[in-house]
């Protein structure tokens, strides 16, 4: 799976779980209107470690910043959706 596919998968999971809330992927942009929305920002890519992969198989650790704007409970909802999947 590519890094782009990982971001697209997270976006799809959030869109499915947060019915009707727009989800964007990229640098957070504050102040773009008052409509509720969630943003995913890939802020770190590192080398992961796993004992279950064959030798030489690359493993990346992707870290995302999740932000929610326009609704006080939206961030909690987004984290719950990600945790449940």
N, C-alpha and C. Protein backbone atom coordinates (compact mmCIF):
# COMPACT_ATOMS: atom_id res chain seq x y z
N UNK A 1 0.85 -1.17 0.00
CA UNK A 1 0.00 0.00 0.00
C UNK A 1 0.90 1.24 0.00
N UNK A 2 0.56 2.21 -0.81
CA UNK A 2 1.34 3.43 -0.88
C UNK A 2 0.92 4.41 0.22
N UNK A 3 1.73 5.42 0.43
CA UNK A 3 1.40 6.46 1.41
C UNK A 3 0.12 7.17 1.00
N UNK A 4 -0.03 7.45 -0.27
CA UNK A 4 -1.24 8.10 -0.77
C UNK A 4 -2.47 7.24 -0.50
N UNK A 5 -2.35 5.94 -0.71
CA UNK A 5 -3.47 5.03 -0.48
C UNK A 5 -3.83 4.96 1.00
N UNK A 6 -2.84 5.04 1.87
CA UNK A 6 -3.11 5.04 3.31
C UNK A 6 -3.94 6.26 3.70
N UNK A 7 -3.57 7.43 3.18
CA UNK A 7 -4.34 8.65 3.45
C UNK A 7 -5.74 8.57 2.89
N UNK A 8 -5.88 8.03 1.69
CA UNK A 8 -7.20 7.89 1.07
C UNK A 8 -8.07 6.92 1.85
N UNK A 9 -7.47 5.86 2.40
CA UNK A 9 -8.22 4.90 3.20
C UNK A 9 -8.71 5.53 4.49
N UNK A 10 -7.85 6.27 5.18
CA UNK A 10 -8.27 6.96 6.40
C UNK A 10 -9.39 7.96 6.11
N UNK A 11 -9.26 8.68 5.01
CA UNK A 11 -10.29 9.64 4.61
C UNK A 11 -11.62 8.93 4.38
N UNK A 12 -11.59 7.82 3.66
CA UNK A 12 -12.82 7.07 3.36
C UNK A 12 -13.46 6.54 4.64
N UNK A 13 -12.65 6.05 5.58
CA UNK A 13 -13.18 5.55 6.85
C UNK A 13 -13.88 6.67 7.61
N UNK A 14 -13.24 7.84 7.66
CA UNK A 14 -13.85 8.97 8.36
C UNK A 14 -15.12 9.46 7.67
N UNK A 15 -15.09 9.55 6.35
CA UNK A 15 -16.28 10.00 5.62
C UNK A 15 -17.44 9.03 5.84
N UNK A 16 -17.15 7.75 5.88
CA UNK A 16 -18.20 6.76 6.10
C UNK A 16 -18.76 6.85 7.52
N UNK A 17 -17.89 7.06 8.49
CA UNK A 17 -18.32 7.09 9.88
C UNK A 17 -18.91 8.41 10.34
N UNK A 18 -18.54 9.49 9.66
CA UNK A 18 -19.01 10.83 10.06
C UNK A 18 -20.05 11.37 9.09
N UNK A 19 -20.83 10.55 8.53
CA UNK A 19 -21.89 10.86 7.56
C UNK A 19 -22.13 12.37 7.32
N UNK A 20 -21.75 12.83 6.15
CA UNK A 20 -22.03 14.20 5.75
C UNK A 20 -21.01 15.24 6.16
N UNK A 21 -19.99 14.85 6.92
CA UNK A 21 -18.95 15.80 7.33
C UNK A 21 -17.81 15.74 6.31
N UNK A 22 -17.44 16.86 5.71
CA UNK A 22 -16.32 16.85 4.76
C UNK A 22 -15.01 16.49 5.45
N UNK A 23 -14.21 15.68 4.78
CA UNK A 23 -12.88 15.29 5.28
C UNK A 23 -11.87 15.65 4.21
N UNK A 24 -10.84 16.38 4.61
CA UNK A 24 -9.78 16.78 3.69
C UNK A 24 -8.46 16.15 4.14
N UNK A 25 -7.53 16.06 3.20
CA UNK A 25 -6.20 15.55 3.50
C UNK A 25 -5.20 16.59 3.03
N UNK A 26 -4.36 17.07 3.94
CA UNK A 26 -3.37 18.08 3.60
C UNK A 26 -3.10 18.96 4.80
N UNK A 27 -2.30 20.01 4.61
CA UNK A 27 -2.02 20.91 5.72
C UNK A 27 -3.30 21.54 6.24
N UNK A 28 -3.45 21.65 7.56
CA UNK A 28 -4.65 22.27 8.11
C UNK A 28 -4.74 23.74 7.71
N UNK A 29 -5.93 24.15 7.32
CA UNK A 29 -6.16 25.54 6.92
C UNK A 29 -7.27 26.11 7.80
N UNK A 30 -6.89 26.85 8.83
CA UNK A 30 -7.90 27.39 9.73
C UNK A 30 -8.75 28.48 9.08
N UNK A 31 -9.96 28.60 9.55
CA UNK A 31 -10.80 29.72 9.18
C UNK A 31 -11.55 29.62 7.88
N UNK A 32 -11.58 28.48 7.22
CA UNK A 32 -12.28 28.38 5.93
C UNK A 32 -13.77 28.19 6.16
N UNK A 33 -14.41 29.20 6.72
CA UNK A 33 -15.85 29.13 6.96
C UNK A 33 -16.17 28.41 8.25
N UNK A 34 -17.44 28.43 8.62
CA UNK A 34 -17.84 27.84 9.88
C UNK A 34 -18.40 26.44 9.75
N UNK A 35 -18.42 25.88 8.55
CA UNK A 35 -18.98 24.53 8.36
C UNK A 35 -18.08 23.49 9.04
N UNK A 36 -18.69 22.54 9.74
CA UNK A 36 -17.89 21.49 10.38
C UNK A 36 -17.11 20.69 9.34
N UNK A 37 -15.87 20.36 9.69
CA UNK A 37 -15.05 19.55 8.80
C UNK A 37 -13.92 18.92 9.59
N UNK A 38 -13.35 17.87 9.03
CA UNK A 38 -12.21 17.16 9.62
C UNK A 38 -11.08 17.19 8.62
N UNK A 39 -9.86 17.34 9.12
CA UNK A 39 -8.69 17.35 8.25
C UNK A 39 -7.66 16.35 8.76
N UNK A 40 -7.03 15.64 7.83
CA UNK A 40 -5.93 14.72 8.12
C UNK A 40 -4.66 15.30 7.53
N UNK A 41 -3.61 15.37 8.34
CA UNK A 41 -2.33 15.90 7.86
C UNK A 41 -1.23 14.91 8.22
N UNK A 42 -0.56 14.38 7.22
CA UNK A 42 0.56 13.47 7.43
C UNK A 42 1.77 14.31 7.84
N UNK A 43 2.15 14.22 9.11
CA UNK A 43 3.23 15.07 9.59
C UNK A 43 4.55 14.34 9.82
N UNK A 44 4.53 13.00 9.81
CA UNK A 44 5.80 12.29 10.00
C UNK A 44 5.74 10.92 9.33
N UNK A 45 6.81 10.60 8.63
CA UNK A 45 6.98 9.27 8.05
C UNK A 45 8.28 8.72 8.61
N UNK A 46 8.19 7.56 9.22
CA UNK A 46 9.38 6.95 9.80
C UNK A 46 9.45 5.48 9.46
N UNK A 47 10.56 4.89 9.82
CA UNK A 47 10.75 3.46 9.58
C UNK A 47 10.15 2.70 10.76
N UNK A 48 9.24 1.80 10.46
CA UNK A 48 8.61 1.00 11.50
C UNK A 48 9.38 -0.27 11.76
N UNK A 49 8.99 -0.97 12.83
CA UNK A 49 9.64 -2.22 13.19
C UNK A 49 8.57 -3.28 13.40
N UNK A 50 8.81 -4.44 12.83
CA UNK A 50 7.89 -5.55 13.02
C UNK A 50 8.65 -6.86 12.90
N UNK A 51 8.31 -7.78 13.77
CA UNK A 51 8.93 -9.11 13.70
C UNK A 51 8.17 -10.03 12.76
N UNK A 52 7.01 -9.60 12.28
CA UNK A 52 6.15 -10.48 11.48
C UNK A 52 6.36 -10.35 9.97
N UNK A 53 7.21 -9.45 9.54
CA UNK A 53 7.43 -9.26 8.11
C UNK A 53 8.68 -10.00 7.65
N UNK A 54 8.67 -10.47 6.42
CA UNK A 54 9.88 -11.12 5.90
C UNK A 54 11.03 -10.11 5.81
N UNK A 55 12.22 -10.64 5.87
CA UNK A 55 13.40 -9.76 5.78
C UNK A 55 13.38 -8.94 4.51
N UNK A 56 13.77 -7.70 4.65
CA UNK A 56 13.85 -6.81 3.50
C UNK A 56 12.54 -6.13 3.14
N UNK A 57 11.45 -6.55 3.75
CA UNK A 57 10.16 -5.91 3.45
C UNK A 57 10.11 -4.57 4.18
N UNK A 58 9.89 -3.47 3.45
CA UNK A 58 9.87 -2.16 4.11
C UNK A 58 8.59 -1.98 4.93
N UNK A 59 8.72 -1.35 6.05
CA UNK A 59 7.58 -1.03 6.89
C UNK A 59 7.70 0.44 7.27
N UNK A 60 6.68 1.21 6.94
CA UNK A 60 6.68 2.63 7.27
C UNK A 60 5.68 2.91 8.38
N UNK A 61 6.05 3.82 9.24
CA UNK A 61 5.15 4.29 10.29
C UNK A 61 4.68 5.68 9.86
N UNK A 62 3.37 5.82 9.65
CA UNK A 62 2.79 7.08 9.21
C UNK A 62 2.05 7.71 10.38
N UNK A 63 2.35 8.96 10.67
CA UNK A 63 1.67 9.67 11.76
C UNK A 63 0.87 10.83 11.18
N UNK A 64 -0.40 10.85 11.55
CA UNK A 64 -1.32 11.87 11.05
C UNK A 64 -1.81 12.74 12.20
N UNK A 65 -1.96 14.02 11.91
CA UNK A 65 -2.60 14.97 12.81
C UNK A 65 -4.05 15.08 12.37
N UNK A 66 -4.98 14.85 13.28
CA UNK A 66 -6.41 14.94 12.98
C UNK A 66 -6.92 16.23 13.61
N UNK A 67 -7.50 17.11 12.81
CA UNK A 67 -8.09 18.34 13.33
C UNK A 67 -9.56 18.38 12.94
N UNK A 68 -10.34 19.01 13.79
CA UNK A 68 -11.77 19.17 13.52
C UNK A 68 -12.14 20.62 13.78
N UNK A 69 -12.89 21.20 12.86
CA UNK A 69 -13.30 22.59 12.98
C UNK A 69 -14.81 22.70 12.87
N UNK A 70 -15.37 23.65 13.60
CA UNK A 70 -16.78 23.97 13.45
C UNK A 70 -17.74 23.22 14.34
N UNK A 71 -17.25 22.27 15.13
CA UNK A 71 -18.13 21.51 16.02
C UNK A 71 -17.29 20.98 17.18
N UNK A 72 -17.69 21.31 18.40
CA UNK A 72 -16.89 20.94 19.57
C UNK A 72 -16.75 19.43 19.75
N UNK A 73 -17.73 18.64 19.36
CA UNK A 73 -17.67 17.20 19.56
C UNK A 73 -17.13 16.42 18.39
N UNK A 74 -16.80 17.12 17.30
CA UNK A 74 -16.41 16.43 16.07
C UNK A 74 -15.08 15.69 16.19
N UNK A 75 -14.12 16.26 16.89
CA UNK A 75 -12.82 15.59 17.04
C UNK A 75 -12.99 14.26 17.78
N UNK A 76 -13.76 14.27 18.85
CA UNK A 76 -14.02 13.04 19.59
C UNK A 76 -14.72 12.00 18.72
N UNK A 77 -15.67 12.46 17.90
CA UNK A 77 -16.37 11.55 16.99
C UNK A 77 -15.40 10.93 15.98
N UNK A 78 -14.50 11.77 15.45
CA UNK A 78 -13.54 11.29 14.46
C UNK A 78 -12.59 10.25 15.08
N UNK A 79 -12.10 10.52 16.28
CA UNK A 79 -11.19 9.58 16.94
C UNK A 79 -11.93 8.28 17.24
N UNK A 80 -13.18 8.37 17.65
CA UNK A 80 -13.95 7.16 17.93
C UNK A 80 -14.14 6.32 16.67
N UNK A 81 -14.42 6.96 15.54
CA UNK A 81 -14.58 6.24 14.26
C UNK A 81 -13.27 5.51 13.93
N UNK A 82 -12.14 6.19 14.05
CA UNK A 82 -10.86 5.56 13.74
C UNK A 82 -10.55 4.42 14.72
N UNK A 83 -10.86 4.62 15.98
CA UNK A 83 -10.59 3.58 16.98
C UNK A 83 -11.41 2.32 16.74
N UNK A 84 -12.67 2.51 16.33
CA UNK A 84 -13.56 1.36 16.13
C UNK A 84 -13.25 0.58 14.87
N UNK A 85 -12.47 1.13 13.98
CA UNK A 85 -12.15 0.42 12.74
C UNK A 85 -10.73 0.01 12.80
